[in-house]
Amino acid sequence: MKARSYLFHFLSVSLLLAGCATGPKFMEVASTFNKLVPEEGRIYIYRTTVLGSAVQPEVKLNGEVIGRAVPSGFFYVDRTPGNYEILTSTEVDRKLSFTLDKGEARYVRLNISMGFFVGHVYPELVEPAVGEKEIQDCSYVRPQK
């Protein structure tokens, strides 16, 4: 009976960790990122929690898939100044609209909330000081091209 209990706990932890980002941490790779072009801005997208780790919807920027909402993971994209919309979709669409200026870094945290059948991942724009701090423990996940 004890062996079954250990097996159950091992499998539970393994499934939880399997859904998490496993790349290098932000501090390990930040210095290797391309320098931001003066005419562009940078958008960091990250998810700090492993809650709902099986829920990893695509992240779209103005309709283009740029990545996935990977637990404890982050990625970034550089874009020209303008208006942007980030969309995640599970049972419902969750959207965030914001403006990006030249040389600006924007931080978008992906949060999770309860849904009827599956959790909802929703984007939230956070202040740079908050984003810079929270992203430190996240692992780099290459954005989709």
C-alpha atoms as a PDB file:
ATOM      1  CA  MET A   1       0.000   0.000   0.000  1.00  0.00           C
ATOM      2  CA  LYS A   2       2.879   2.332   0.818  1.00  0.00           C
ATOM      3  CA  ALA A   3       4.452   1.646  -2.567  1.00  0.00           C
ATOM      4  CA  ARG A   4       1.242   2.745  -4.306  1.00  0.00           C
ATOM      5  CA  SER A   5       1.216   5.967  -2.312  1.00  0.00           C
ATOM      6  CA  TYR A   6       4.818   6.736  -3.293  1.00  0.00           C
ATOM      7  CA  LEU A   7       4.080   5.925  -6.914  1.00  0.00           C
ATOM      8  CA  PHE A   8       1.023   8.188  -6.913  1.00  0.00           C
ATOM      9  CA  HIS A   9       2.998  11.100  -5.427  1.00  0.00           C
ATOM     10  CA  PHE A  10       5.903  10.550  -7.828  1.00  0.00           C
ATOM     11  CA  LEU A  11       3.586  10.536 -10.840  1.00  0.00           C
ATOM     12  CA  SER A  12       1.720  13.622  -9.590  1.00  0.00           C
ATOM     13  CA  VAL A  13       4.923  15.615  -9.163  1.00  0.00           C
ATOM     14  CA  SER A  14       6.261  14.372 -12.520  1.00  0.00           C
ATOM     15  CA  LEU A  15       3.124  15.519 -14.335  1.00  0.00           C
ATOM     16  CA  LEU A  16       3.265  18.900 -12.624  1.00  0.00           C
ATOM     17  CA  LEU A  17       6.903  19.453 -13.550  1.00  0.00           C
ATOM     18  CA  ALA A  18       6.460  18.181 -17.107  1.00  0.00           C
ATOM     19  CA  GLY A  19       4.322  21.206 -17.921  1.00  0.00           C
ATOM     20  CA  CYS A  20       6.844  23.753 -16.669  1.00  0.00           C
ATOM     21  CA  ALA A  21       9.479  25.617 -18.635  1.00  0.00           C
ATOM     22  CA  THR A  22      12.905  24.031 -18.332  1.00  0.00           C
ATOM     23  CA  GLY A  23      15.200  26.409 -20.219  1.00  0.00           C
ATOM     24  CA  PRO A  24      17.781  28.759 -18.749  1.00  0.00           C
ATOM     25  CA  LYS A  25      16.608  31.382 -16.262  1.00  0.00           C
ATOM     26  CA  PHE A  26      16.190  35.018 -17.293  1.00  0.00           C
ATOM     27  CA  MET A  27      19.432  36.148 -15.635  1.00  0.00           C
ATOM     28  CA  GLU A  28      21.397  33.464 -17.479  1.00  0.00           C
ATOM     29  CA  VAL A  29      20.253  34.538 -20.940  1.00  0.00           C
ATOM     30  CA  ALA A  30      19.278  38.216 -20.727  1.00  0.00           C
ATOM     31  CA  SER A  31      22.755  39.383 -21.715  1.00  0.00           C
ATOM     32  CA  THR A  32      22.633  37.237 -24.884  1.00  0.00           C
ATOM     33  CA  PHE A  33      19.495  38.866 -26.303  1.00  0.00           C
ATOM     34  CA  ASN A  34      19.866  41.118 -29.313  1.00  0.00           C
ATOM     35  CA  LYS A  35      20.208  44.755 -28.402  1.00  0.00           C
ATOM     36  CA  LEU A  36      16.945  46.615 -28.886  1.00  0.00           C
ATOM     37  CA  VAL A  37      16.900  48.617 -32.121  1.00  0.00           C
ATOM     38  CA  PRO A  38      16.178  52.304 -31.272  1.00  0.00           C
ATOM     39  CA  GLU A  39      13.161  52.394 -33.610  1.00  0.00           C
ATOM     40  CA  GLU A  40      11.492  49.428 -31.871  1.00  0.00           C
ATOM     41  CA  GLY A  41      10.108  48.398 -28.494  1.00  0.00           C
ATOM     42  CA  ARG A  42      10.267  45.076 -26.676  1.00  0.00           C
ATOM     43  CA  ILE A  43       7.388  43.049 -25.252  1.00  0.00           C
ATOM     44  CA  TYR A  44       8.171  40.458 -22.585  1.00  0.00           C
ATOM     45  CA  ILE A  45       5.499  37.812 -22.060  1.00  0.00           C
ATOM     46  CA  TYR A  46       5.815  35.606 -18.985  1.00  0.00           C
ATOM     47  CA  ARG A  47       3.901  33.296 -16.679  1.00  0.00           C
ATOM     48  CA  THR A  48       5.070  32.966 -13.083  1.00  0.00           C
ATOM     49  CA  THR A  49       2.778  30.257 -11.773  1.00  0.00           C
ATOM     50  CA  VAL A  50       2.630  26.501 -12.319  1.00  0.00           C
ATOM     51  CA  LEU A  51      -1.016  26.446 -11.277  1.00  0.00           C
ATOM     52  CA  GLY A  52      -2.965  24.929 -14.146  1.00  0.00           C
ATOM     53  CA  SER A  53       0.243  23.740 -15.779  1.00  0.00           C
ATOM     54  CA  ALA A  54      -1.647  21.650 -18.347  1.00  0.00           C
ATOM     55  CA  VAL A  55      -3.326  24.811 -19.658  1.00  0.00           C
ATOM     56  CA  GLN A  56      -0.876  26.335 -22.163  1.00  0.00           C
ATOM     57  CA  PRO A  57      -2.808  28.203 -24.847  1.00  0.00           C
ATOM     58  CA  GLU A  58      -1.204  29.999 -27.754  1.00  0.00           C
ATOM     59  CA  VAL A  59      -0.328  33.635 -27.234  1.00  0.00           C
ATOM     60  CA  LYS A  60      -1.254  35.832 -30.185  1.00  0.00           C
ATOM     61  CA  LEU A  61      -0.019  39.355 -30.856  1.00  0.00           C
ATOM     62  CA  ASN A  62      -2.302  41.199 -33.291  1.00  0.00           C
ATOM     63  CA  GLY A  63      -3.549  37.834 -34.551  1.00  0.00           C
ATOM     64  CA  GLU A  64      -0.086  36.270 -35.035  1.00  0.00           C
ATOM     65  CA  VAL A  65       0.894  33.309 -32.848  1.00  0.00           C
ATOM     66  CA  ILE A  66       4.096  34.284 -31.049  1.00  0.00           C
ATOM     67  CA  GLY A  67       4.321  31.626 -28.335  1.00  0.00           C
ATOM     68  CA  ARG A  68       2.566  29.588 -25.687  1.00  0.00           C
ATOM     69  CA  ALA A  69       1.610  30.338 -22.079  1.00  0.00           C
ATOM     70  CA  VAL A  70       4.176  27.967 -20.551  1.00  0.00           C
ATOM     71  CA  PRO A  71       4.190  27.840 -16.732  1.00  0.00           C
ATOM     72  CA  SER A  72       7.270  29.541 -15.248  1.00  0.00           C
ATOM     73  CA  GLY A  73       8.364  30.529 -18.753  1.00  0.00           C
ATOM     74  CA  PHE A  74       8.988  33.741 -20.673  1.00  0.00           C
ATOM     75  CA  PHE A  75       9.779  34.973 -24.151  1.00  0.00           C
ATOM     76  CA  TYR A  76       9.990  38.348 -25.847  1.00  0.00           C
ATOM     77  CA  VAL A  77       9.337  39.954 -29.211  1.00  0.00           C
ATOM     78  CA  ASP A  78      10.576  43.233 -30.658  1.00  0.00           C
ATOM     79  CA  ARG A  79       8.079  45.334 -32.598  1.00  0.00           C
ATOM     80  CA  THR A  80       7.710  48.780 -34.126  1.00  0.00           C
ATOM     81  CA  PRO A  81       5.810  51.385 -32.090  1.00  0.00           C
ATOM     82  CA  GLY A  82       2.050  51.137 -32.285  1.00  0.00           C
ATOM     83  CA  ASN A  83      -1.088  49.621 -30.846  1.00  0.00           C
ATOM     84  CA  TYR A  84      -1.031  45.935 -29.934  1.00  0.00           C
ATOM     85  CA  GLU A  85      -3.449  43.315 -28.716  1.00  0.00           C
ATOM     86  CA  ILE A  86      -2.446  40.122 -26.941  1.00  0.00           C
ATOM     87  CA  LEU A  87      -4.973  37.293 -27.041  1.00  0.00           C
ATOM     88  CA  THR A  88      -5.117  33.972 -25.233  1.00  0.00           C
ATOM     89  CA  SER A  89      -7.961  31.541 -25.735  1.00  0.00           C
ATOM     90  CA  THR A  90      -9.243  28.517 -23.826  1.00  0.00           C
ATOM     91  CA  GLU A  91     -12.997  28.373 -23.196  1.00  0.00           C
ATOM     92  CA  VAL A  92     -13.117  32.113 -23.766  1.00  0.00           C
ATOM     93  CA  ASP A  93     -10.893  34.725 -25.383  1.00  0.00           C
ATOM     94  CA  ARG A  94      -8.917  36.968 -23.037  1.00  0.00           C
ATOM     95  CA  LYS A  95      -7.489  40.157 -24.571  1.00  0.00           C
ATOM     96  CA  LEU A  96      -5.154  42.942 -23.556  1.00  0.00           C
ATOM     97  CA  SER A  97      -4.654  46.109 -25.600  1.00  0.00           C
ATOM     98  CA  PHE A  98      -1.745  48.503 -25.125  1.00  0.00           C
ATOM     99  CA  THR A  99       0.538  50.919 -26.939  1.00  0.00           C
ATOM    100  CA  LEU A 100       4.256  50.332 -27.481  1.00  0.00           C
ATOM    101  CA  ASP A 101       6.628  53.282 -27.901  1.00  0.00           C
ATOM    102  CA  LYS A 102      10.171  53.478 -29.311  1.00  0.00           C
ATOM    103  CA  GLY A 103      12.769  52.049 -26.936  1.00  0.00           C
ATOM    104  CA  GLU A 104      10.086  50.942 -24.485  1.00  0.00           C
ATOM    105  CA  ALA A 105       9.979  47.581 -22.719  1.00  0.00           C
ATOM    106  CA  ARG A 106       6.489  46.305 -21.822  1.00  0.00           C
ATOM    107  CA  TYR A 107       5.845  43.384 -19.504  1.00  0.00           C
ATOM    108  CA  VAL A 108       2.806  41.175 -19.911  1.00  0.00           C
ATOM    109  CA  ARG A 109       2.162  38.655 -17.165  1.00  0.00           C
ATOM    110  CA  LEU A 110      -0.033  35.671 -18.044  1.00  0.00           C
ATOM    111  CA  ASN A 111      -2.286  34.816 -15.095  1.00  0.00           C
ATOM    112  CA  ILE A 112      -4.664  31.898 -14.699  1.00  0.00           C
ATOM    113  CA  SER A 113      -8.174  31.854 -13.299  1.00  0.00           C
ATOM    114  CA  MET A 114     -10.799  29.172 -12.852  1.00  0.00           C
ATOM    115  CA  GLY A 115     -13.012  28.290 -15.775  1.00  0.00           C
ATOM    116  CA  PHE A 116     -16.012  26.027 -16.135  1.00  0.00           C
ATOM    117  CA  PHE A 117     -14.129  23.156 -17.821  1.00  0.00           C
ATOM    118  CA  VAL A 118     -10.590  24.475 -18.066  1.00  0.00           C
ATOM    119  CA  GLY A 119      -8.640  27.375 -16.584  1.00  0.00           C
ATOM    120  CA  HIS A 120      -8.509  30.726 -18.338  1.00  0.00           C
ATOM    121  CA  VAL A 121      -5.140  32.292 -19.055  1.00  0.00           C
ATOM    122  CA  TYR A 122      -5.426  36.062 -19.205  1.00  0.00           C
ATOM    123  CA  PRO A 123      -2.795  38.681 -20.059  1.00  0.00           C
ATOM    124  CA  GLU A 124      -2.132  41.591 -17.712  1.00  0.00           C
ATOM    125  CA  LEU A 125       0.137  44.558 -18.381  1.00  0.00           C
ATOM    126  CA  VAL A 126       2.366  45.211 -15.372  1.00  0.00           C
ATOM    127  CA  GLU A 127       4.678  48.071 -14.491  1.00  0.00           C
ATOM    128  CA  PRO A 128       8.299  47.568 -15.649  1.00  0.00           C
ATOM    129  CA  ALA A 129       9.610  47.396 -12.063  1.00  0.00           C
ATOM    130  CA  VAL A 130       7.156  44.582 -11.276  1.00  0.00           C
ATOM    131  CA  GLY A 131       7.827  42.734 -14.543  1.00  0.00           C
ATOM    132  CA  GLU A 132      11.605  43.010 -14.176  1.00  0.00           C
ATOM    133  CA  LYS A 133      11.393  41.453 -10.729  1.00  0.00           C
ATOM    134  CA  GLU A 134       8.868  38.704 -11.516  1.00  0.00           C
ATOM    135  CA  ILE A 135      10.544  37.516 -14.715  1.00  0.00           C
ATOM    136  CA  GLN A 136      13.843  36.714 -12.932  1.00  0.00           C
ATOM    137  CA  ASP A 137      12.758  33.191 -11.919  1.00  0.00           C
ATOM    138  CA  CYS A 138      11.180  32.344 -15.270  1.00  0.00           C
ATOM    139  CA  SER A 139      12.864  30.124 -17.849  1.00  0.00           C
ATOM    140  CA  TYR A 140      13.409  31.189 -21.456  1.00  0.00           C
ATOM    141  CA  VAL A 141      11.074  29.631 -23.986  1.00  0.00           C
ATOM    142  CA  ARG A 142      11.861  30.600 -27.569  1.00  0.00           C
ATOM    143  CA  PRO A 143       8.997  32.490 -29.222  1.00  0.00           C
ATOM    144  CA  GLN A 144       7.354  30.982 -32.267  1.00  0.00           C
ATOM    145  CA  LYS A 145       8.226  32.544 -35.621  1.00  0.00           C
END
